């Protein structure tokens, strides 16, 4: 059994952030075009489930995974 990737906490300075914004804010991707592409291709998961909605609202405690990296939303 492999160990899951460690989780990096990303403080967002508020109560919610949209998935597309979070990926750029956390430094995972650089452009909105890149964000749109990887989300549409089903390469991003939230709390263990693929989510294809850039506008999905993330709440503190949600965990976003992409390319073997995991990021937890923090207020």
PDB file of N, CA and C in Angstrom:
ATOM      1  N   UNK A   1       0.849  -1.188   0.000  1.00  0.00           N
ATOM      2  CA  UNK A   1       0.000   0.000   0.000  1.00  0.00           C
ATOM      3  C   UNK A   1       0.885   1.239   0.000  1.00  0.00           C
ATOM      4  N   UNK A   2       0.575   2.197  -0.863  1.00  0.00           N
ATOM      5  CA  UNK A   2       1.365   3.421  -0.914  1.00  0.00           C
ATOM      6  C   UNK A   2       0.790   4.457   0.024  1.00  0.00           C
ATOM      7  N   UNK A   3       1.661   5.282   0.555  1.00  0.00           N
ATOM      8  CA  UNK A   3       1.220   6.368   1.425  1.00  0.00           C
ATOM      9  C   UNK A   3       0.678   7.495   0.571  1.00  0.00           C
ATOM     10  N   UNK A   4      -0.429   8.111   0.981  1.00  0.00           N
ATOM     11  CA  UNK A   4      -0.941   9.254   0.221  1.00  0.00           C
ATOM     12  C   UNK A   4       0.026  10.432   0.340  1.00  0.00           C
ATOM     13  N   UNK A   5      -0.046  11.306  -0.639  1.00  0.00           N
ATOM     14  CA  UNK A   5       0.804  12.495  -0.632  1.00  0.00           C
ATOM     15  C   UNK A   5       0.478  13.339   0.591  1.00  0.00           C
ATOM     16  N   UNK A   6       1.496  14.009   1.141  1.00  0.00           N
ATOM     17  CA  UNK A   6       1.207  14.911   2.263  1.00  0.00           C
ATOM     18  C   UNK A   6       0.283  16.032   1.806  1.00  0.00           C
ATOM     19  N   UNK A   7      -0.391  16.623   2.755  1.00  0.00           N
ATOM     20  CA  UNK A   7      -1.329  17.707   2.444  1.00  0.00           C
ATOM     21  C   UNK A   7      -0.692  19.040   2.803  1.00  0.00           C
ATOM     22  N   UNK A   8      -0.672  19.947   1.834  1.00  0.00           N
ATOM     23  CA  UNK A   8      -0.206  21.311   2.073  1.00  0.00           C
ATOM     24  C   UNK A   8      -1.415  22.173   2.406  1.00  0.00           C
ATOM     25  N   UNK A   9      -1.362  22.888   3.527  1.00  0.00           N
ATOM     26  CA  UNK A   9      -2.435  23.813   3.893  1.00  0.00           C
ATOM     27  C   UNK A   9      -2.270  25.118   3.131  1.00  0.00           C
ATOM     28  N   UNK A  10      -3.378  25.602   2.560  1.00  0.00           N
ATOM     29  CA  UNK A  10      -3.366  26.864   1.803  1.00  0.00           C
ATOM     30  C   UNK A  10      -4.391  27.802   2.429  1.00  0.00           C
ATOM     31  N   UNK A  11      -3.936  28.813   3.189  1.00  0.00           N
ATOM     32  CA  UNK A  11      -4.880  29.776   3.762  1.00  0.00           C
ATOM     33  C   UNK A  11      -5.436  30.695   2.674  1.00  0.00           C
ATOM     34  N   UNK A  12      -6.762  30.831   2.639  1.00  0.00           N
ATOM     35  CA  UNK A  12      -7.395  31.630   1.588  1.00  0.00           C
ATOM     36  C   UNK A  12      -7.845  33.000   2.076  1.00  0.00           C
ATOM     37  N   UNK A  13      -7.776  33.236   3.376  1.00  0.00           N
ATOM     38  CA  UNK A  13      -8.144  34.543   3.908  1.00  0.00           C
ATOM     39  C   UNK A  13      -9.632  34.822   3.883  1.00  0.00           C
ATOM     40  N   UNK A  14     -10.445  33.783   3.886  1.00  0.00           N
ATOM     41  CA  UNK A  14     -11.894  33.962   3.885  1.00  0.00           C
ATOM     42  C   UNK A  14     -12.584  32.648   4.120  1.00  0.00           C
ATOM     43  N   UNK A  15     -13.899  32.635   3.851  1.00  0.00           N
ATOM     44  CA  UNK A  15     -14.698  31.445   4.119  1.00  0.00           C
ATOM     45  C   UNK A  15     -14.882  30.533   2.922  1.00  0.00           C
ATOM     46  N   UNK A  16     -14.675  31.040   1.704  1.00  0.00           N
ATOM     47  CA  UNK A  16     -14.841  30.210   0.524  1.00  0.00           C
ATOM     48  C   UNK A  16     -14.024  30.754  -0.624  1.00  0.00           C
ATOM     49  N   UNK A  17     -13.746  29.864  -1.587  1.00  0.00           N
ATOM     50  CA  UNK A  17     -13.050  30.232  -2.809  1.00  0.00           C
ATOM     51  C   UNK A  17     -13.493  29.237  -3.875  1.00  0.00           C
ATOM     52  N   UNK A  18     -13.562  29.676  -5.110  1.00  0.00           N
ATOM     53  CA  UNK A  18     -13.949  28.771  -6.193  1.00  0.00           C
ATOM     54  C   UNK A  18     -12.752  27.916  -6.601  1.00  0.00           C
ATOM     55  N   UNK A  19     -13.053  26.721  -7.090  1.00  0.00           N
ATOM     56  CA  UNK A  19     -12.011  25.754  -7.426  1.00  0.00           C
ATOM     57  C   UNK A  19     -10.994  26.331  -8.401  1.00  0.00           C
ATOM     58  N   UNK A  20     -11.446  26.961  -9.462  1.00  0.00           N
ATOM     59  CA  UNK A  20     -10.521  27.540 -10.443  1.00  0.00           C
ATOM     60  C   UNK A  20      -9.621  28.598  -9.833  1.00  0.00           C
ATOM     61  N   UNK A  21     -10.182  29.443  -9.001  1.00  0.00           N
ATOM     62  CA  UNK A  21      -9.398  30.475  -8.326  1.00  0.00           C
ATOM     63  C   UNK A  21      -8.388  29.845  -7.380  1.00  0.00           C
ATOM     64  N   UNK A  22      -8.813  28.799  -6.680  1.00  0.00           N
ATOM     65  CA  UNK A  22      -7.943  28.149  -5.710  1.00  0.00           C
ATOM     66  C   UNK A  22      -6.708  27.555  -6.388  1.00  0.00           C
ATOM     67  N   UNK A  23      -6.882  26.921  -7.528  1.00  0.00           N
ATOM     68  CA  UNK A  23      -5.748  26.307  -8.218  1.00  0.00           C
ATOM     69  C   UNK A  23      -4.706  27.349  -8.610  1.00  0.00           C
ATOM     70  N   UNK A  24      -5.148  28.527  -9.006  1.00  0.00           N
ATOM     71  CA  UNK A  24      -4.198  29.608  -9.324  1.00  0.00           C
ATOM     72  C   UNK A  24      -3.626  30.205  -8.044  1.00  0.00           C
ATOM     73  N   UNK A  25      -4.470  30.455  -7.053  1.00  0.00           N
ATOM     74  CA  UNK A  25      -4.036  31.070  -5.794  1.00  0.00           C
ATOM     75  C   UNK A  25      -2.980  30.217  -5.096  1.00  0.00           C
ATOM     76  N   UNK A  26      -3.172  28.898  -5.118  1.00  0.00           N
ATOM     77  CA  UNK A  26      -2.245  27.976  -4.454  1.00  0.00           C
ATOM     78  C   UNK A  26      -0.959  27.781  -5.251  1.00  0.00           C
ATOM     79  N   UNK A  27      -0.905  28.336  -6.466  1.00  0.00           N
ATOM     80  CA  UNK A  27       0.284  28.205  -7.294  1.00  0.00           C
ATOM     81  C   UNK A  27       0.374  26.872  -8.012  1.00  0.00           C
ATOM     82  N   UNK A  28      -0.736  26.156  -8.076  1.00  0.00           N
ATOM     83  CA  UNK A  28      -0.761  24.860  -8.748  1.00  0.00           C
ATOM     84  C   UNK A  28      -0.669  25.061 -10.253  1.00  0.00           C
ATOM     85  N   UNK A  29      -1.389  26.036 -10.771  1.00  0.00           N
ATOM     86  CA  UNK A  29      -1.389  26.370 -12.201  1.00  0.00           C
ATOM     87  C   UNK A  29      -1.265  27.882 -12.353  1.00  0.00           C
ATOM     88  N   UNK A  30      -0.751  28.292 -13.510  1.00  0.00           N
ATOM     89  CA  UNK A  30      -0.478  29.712 -13.703  1.00  0.00           C
ATOM     90  C   UNK A  30      -1.591  30.495 -14.384  1.00  0.00           C
ATOM     91  N   UNK A  31      -2.332  29.855 -15.289  1.00  0.00           N
ATOM     92  CA  UNK A  31      -3.307  30.615 -16.068  1.00  0.00           C
ATOM     93  C   UNK A  31      -4.700  30.017 -15.956  1.00  0.00           C
ATOM     94  N   UNK A  32      -5.680  30.862 -16.221  1.00  0.00           N
ATOM     95  CA  UNK A  32      -7.057  30.403 -16.232  1.00  0.00           C
ATOM     96  C   UNK A  32      -7.303  29.364 -17.312  1.00  0.00           C
ATOM     97  N   UNK A  33      -6.595  29.496 -18.431  1.00  0.00           N
ATOM     98  CA  UNK A  33      -6.730  28.517 -19.510  1.00  0.00           C
ATOM     99  C   UNK A  33      -6.259  27.143 -19.080  1.00  0.00           C
ATOM    100  N   UNK A  34      -5.136  27.110 -18.361  1.00  0.00           N
ATOM    101  CA  UNK A  34      -4.629  25.830 -17.847  1.00  0.00           C
ATOM    102  C   UNK A  34      -5.618  25.220 -16.858  1.00  0.00           C
ATOM    103  N   UNK A  35      -6.170  26.058 -15.986  1.00  0.00           N
ATOM    104  CA  UNK A  35      -7.140  25.599 -14.985  1.00  0.00           C
ATOM    105  C   UNK A  35      -8.352  24.997 -15.686  1.00  0.00           C
ATOM    106  N   UNK A  36      -8.883  25.713 -16.655  1.00  0.00           N
ATOM    107  CA  UNK A  36     -10.059  25.245 -17.387  1.00  0.00           C
ATOM    108  C   UNK A  36      -9.798  23.883 -18.027  1.00  0.00           C
ATOM    109  N   UNK A  37      -8.635  23.728 -18.625  1.00  0.00           N
ATOM    110  CA  UNK A  37      -8.289  22.485 -19.320  1.00  0.00           C
ATOM    111  C   UNK A  37      -8.190  21.291 -18.373  1.00  0.00           C
ATOM    112  N   UNK A  38      -7.432  21.440 -17.284  1.00  0.00           N
ATOM    113  CA  UNK A  38      -7.237  20.285 -16.400  1.00  0.00           C
ATOM    114  C   UNK A  38      -8.524  19.901 -15.674  1.00  0.00           C
ATOM    115  N   UNK A  39      -9.347  20.885 -15.345  1.00  0.00           N
ATOM    116  CA  UNK A  39     -10.625  20.572 -14.698  1.00  0.00           C
ATOM    117  C   UNK A  39     -11.540  19.858 -15.690  1.00  0.00           C
ATOM    118  N   UNK A  40     -11.622  20.355 -16.927  1.00  0.00           N
ATOM    119  CA  UNK A  40     -12.472  19.737 -17.950  1.00  0.00           C
ATOM    120  C   UNK A  40     -12.032  18.313 -18.258  1.00  0.00           C
ATOM    121  N   UNK A  41     -10.740  18.048 -18.172  1.00  0.00           N
ATOM    122  CA  UNK A  41     -10.221  16.708 -18.459  1.00  0.00           C
ATOM    123  C   UNK A  41     -10.372  15.753 -17.265  1.00  0.00           C
ATOM    124  N   UNK A  42     -10.896  16.250 -16.145  1.00  0.00           N
ATOM    125  CA  UNK A  42     -11.130  15.396 -14.990  1.00  0.00           C
ATOM    126  C   UNK A  42      -9.869  15.057 -14.218  1.00  0.00           C
ATOM    127  N   UNK A  43      -8.882  15.953 -14.260  1.00  0.00           N
ATOM    128  CA  UNK A  43      -7.608  15.700 -13.599  1.00  0.00           C
ATOM    129  C   UNK A  43      -7.543  16.241 -12.180  1.00  0.00           C
ATOM    130  N   UNK A  44      -8.614  16.908 -11.744  1.00  0.00           N
ATOM    131  CA  UNK A  44      -8.643  17.511 -10.410  1.00  0.00           C
ATOM    132  C   UNK A  44      -9.735  16.837  -9.591  1.00  0.00           C
ATOM    133  N   UNK A  45      -9.411  16.513  -8.352  1.00  0.00           N
ATOM    134  CA  UNK A  45     -10.443  15.959  -7.474  1.00  0.00           C
ATOM    135  C   UNK A  45     -10.560  16.822  -6.217  1.00  0.00           C
ATOM    136  N   UNK A  46     -11.761  16.809  -5.669  1.00  0.00           N
ATOM    137  CA  UNK A  46     -12.054  17.525  -4.428  1.00  0.00           C
ATOM    138  C   UNK A  46     -12.607  16.501  -3.444  1.00  0.00           C
ATOM    139  N   UNK A  47     -11.938  16.378  -2.316  1.00  0.00           N
ATOM    140  CA  UNK A  47     -12.344  15.412  -1.289  1.00  0.00           C
ATOM    141  C   UNK A  47     -12.461  13.998  -1.861  1.00  0.00           C
ATOM    142  N   UNK A  48     -11.531  13.657  -2.767  1.00  0.00           N
ATOM    143  CA  UNK A  48     -11.462  12.304  -3.307  1.00  0.00           C
ATOM    144  C   UNK A  48     -12.344  12.011  -4.503  1.00  0.00           C
ATOM    145  N   UNK A  49     -13.111  13.003  -4.978  1.00  0.00           N
ATOM    146  CA  UNK A  49     -13.987  12.795  -6.124  1.00  0.00           C
ATOM    147  C   UNK A  49     -13.667  13.808  -7.220  1.00  0.00           C
ATOM    148  N   UNK A  50     -13.605  13.313  -8.467  1.00  0.00           N
ATOM    149  CA  UNK A  50     -13.344  14.202  -9.595  1.00  0.00           C
ATOM    150  C   UNK A  50     -14.457  15.237  -9.667  1.00  0.00           C
ATOM    151  N   UNK A  51     -14.061  16.489  -9.875  1.00  0.00           N
ATOM    152  CA  UNK A  51     -15.039  17.564 -10.022  1.00  0.00           C
ATOM    153  C   UNK A  51     -14.663  18.387 -11.243  1.00  0.00           C
ATOM    154  N   UNK A  52     -15.579  18.535 -12.166  1.00  0.00           N
ATOM    155  CA  UNK A  52     -15.326  19.250 -13.425  1.00  0.00           C
ATOM    156  C   UNK A  52     -15.929  20.658 -13.433  1.00  0.00           C
ATOM    157  N   UNK A  53     -16.195  21.211 -12.248  1.00  0.00           N
ATOM    158  CA  UNK A  53     -16.798  22.546 -12.165  1.00  0.00           C
ATOM    159  C   UNK A  53     -15.772  23.548 -11.646  1.00  0.00           C
ATOM    160  N   UNK A  54     -15.332  24.446 -12.513  1.00  0.00           N
ATOM    161  CA  UNK A  54     -14.381  25.482 -12.070  1.00  0.00           C
ATOM    162  C   UNK A  54     -14.987  26.345 -10.983  1.00  0.00           C
ATOM    163  N   UNK A  55     -16.301  26.530 -11.037  1.00  0.00           N
ATOM    164  CA  UNK A  55     -16.981  27.406 -10.093  1.00  0.00           C
ATOM    165  C   UNK A  55     -17.374  26.731  -8.792  1.00  0.00           C
ATOM    166  N   UNK A  56     -16.989  25.481  -8.607  1.00  0.00           N
ATOM    167  CA  UNK A  56     -17.331  24.795  -7.355  1.00  0.00           C
ATOM    168  C   UNK A  56     -16.796  25.600  -6.184  1.00  0.00           C
ATOM    169  N   UNK A  57     -17.638  25.824  -5.199  1.00  0.00           N
ATOM    170  CA  UNK A  57     -17.224  26.576  -4.023  1.00  0.00           C
ATOM    171  C   UNK A  57     -16.543  25.648  -3.033  1.00  0.00           C
ATOM    172  N   UNK A  58     -15.310  25.975  -2.703  1.00  0.00           N
ATOM    173  CA  UNK A  58     -14.553  25.213  -1.723  1.00  0.00           C
ATOM    174  C   UNK A  58     -14.704  25.868  -0.362  1.00  0.00           C
ATOM    175  N   UNK A  59     -14.812  25.045   0.651  1.00  0.00           N
ATOM    176  CA  UNK A  59     -14.942  25.517   2.019  1.00  0.00           C
ATOM    177  C   UNK A  59     -13.689  25.100   2.798  1.00  0.00           C
ATOM    178  N   UNK A  60     -13.390  25.783   3.896  1.00  0.00           N
ATOM    179  CA  UNK A  60     -12.264  25.341   4.726  1.00  0.00           C
ATOM    180  C   UNK A  60     -12.382  23.860   5.075  1.00  0.00           C
ATOM    181  N   UNK A  61     -11.278  23.155   4.930  1.00  0.00           N
ATOM    182  CA  UNK A  61     -11.238  21.723   5.197  1.00  0.00           C
ATOM    183  C   UNK A  61     -11.294  20.871   3.941  1.00  0.00           C
ATOM    184  N   UNK A  62     -11.791  21.428   2.821  1.00  0.00           N
ATOM    185  CA  UNK A  62     -11.810  20.681   1.571  1.00  0.00           C
ATOM    186  C   UNK A  62     -10.382  20.389   1.132  1.00  0.00           C
ATOM    187  N   UNK A  63     -10.179  19.225   0.512  1.00  0.00           N
ATOM    188  CA  UNK A  63      -8.860  18.834   0.023  1.00  0.00           C
ATOM    189  C   UNK A  63      -8.923  18.687  -1.493  1.00  0.00           C
ATOM    190  N   UNK A  64      -8.061  19.438  -2.176  1.00  0.00           N
ATOM    191  CA  UNK A  64      -7.982  19.421  -3.632  1.00  0.00           C
ATOM    192  C   UNK A  64      -6.740  18.633  -4.028  1.00  0.00           C
ATOM    193  N   UNK A  65      -6.907  17.695  -4.969  1.00  0.00           N
ATOM    194  CA  UNK A  65      -5.791  16.874  -5.429  1.00  0.00           C
ATOM    195  C   UNK A  65      -5.559  17.087  -6.915  1.00  0.00           C
ATOM    196  N   UNK A  66      -4.271  17.172  -7.286  1.00  0.00           N
ATOM    197  CA  UNK A  66      -3.897  17.332  -8.694  1.00  0.00           C
ATOM    198  C   UNK A  66      -2.468  16.834  -8.862  1.00  0.00           C
ATOM    199  N   UNK A  67      -2.278  15.938  -9.804  1.00  0.00           N
ATOM    200  CA  UNK A  67      -0.960  15.392 -10.141  1.00  0.00           C
ATOM    201  C   UNK A  67      -0.178  14.903  -8.920  1.00  0.00           C
ATOM    202  N   UNK A  68      -0.844  14.170  -8.058  1.00  0.00           N
ATOM    203  CA  UNK A  68      -0.171  13.587  -6.904  1.00  0.00           C
ATOM    204  C   UNK A  68       0.064  14.527  -5.737  1.00  0.00           C
ATOM    205  N   UNK A  69      -0.410  15.757  -5.839  1.00  0.00           N
ATOM    206  CA  UNK A  69      -0.273  16.737  -4.766  1.00  0.00           C
ATOM    207  C   UNK A  69      -1.646  16.986  -4.154  1.00  0.00           C
ATOM    208  N   UNK A  70      -1.659  17.257  -2.842  1.00  0.00           N
ATOM    209  CA  UNK A  70      -2.913  17.530  -2.147  1.00  0.00           C
ATOM    210  C   UNK A  70      -2.808  18.838  -1.392  1.00  0.00           C
ATOM    211  N   UNK A  71      -3.873  19.620  -1.465  1.00  0.00           N
ATOM    212  CA  UNK A  71      -3.912  20.948  -0.857  1.00  0.00           C
ATOM    213  C   UNK A  71      -5.203  21.079  -0.057  1.00  0.00           C
ATOM    214  N   UNK A  72      -5.093  21.488   1.215  1.00  0.00           N
ATOM    215  CA  UNK A  72      -6.264  21.670   2.070  1.00  0.00           C
ATOM    216  C   UNK A  72      -6.577  23.154   2.173  1.00  0.00           C
ATOM    217  N   UNK A  73      -7.840  23.490   1.961  1.00  0.00           N
ATOM    218  CA  UNK A  73      -8.308  24.867   2.078  1.00  0.00           C
ATOM    219  C   UNK A  73      -8.363  25.239   3.549  1.00  0.00           C
ATOM    220  N   UNK A  74      -7.735  26.365   3.888  1.00  0.00           N
ATOM    221  CA  UNK A  74      -7.758  26.890   5.254  1.00  0.00           C
ATOM    222  C   UNK A  74      -8.273  28.319   5.213  1.00  0.00           C
ATOM    223  N   UNK A  75      -9.015  28.724   6.264  1.00  0.00           N
ATOM    224  CA  UNK A  75      -9.529  30.108   6.286  1.00  0.00           C
ATOM    225  C   UNK A  75      -8.408  31.122   6.491  1.00  0.00           C
TER     226      UNK A  75
END
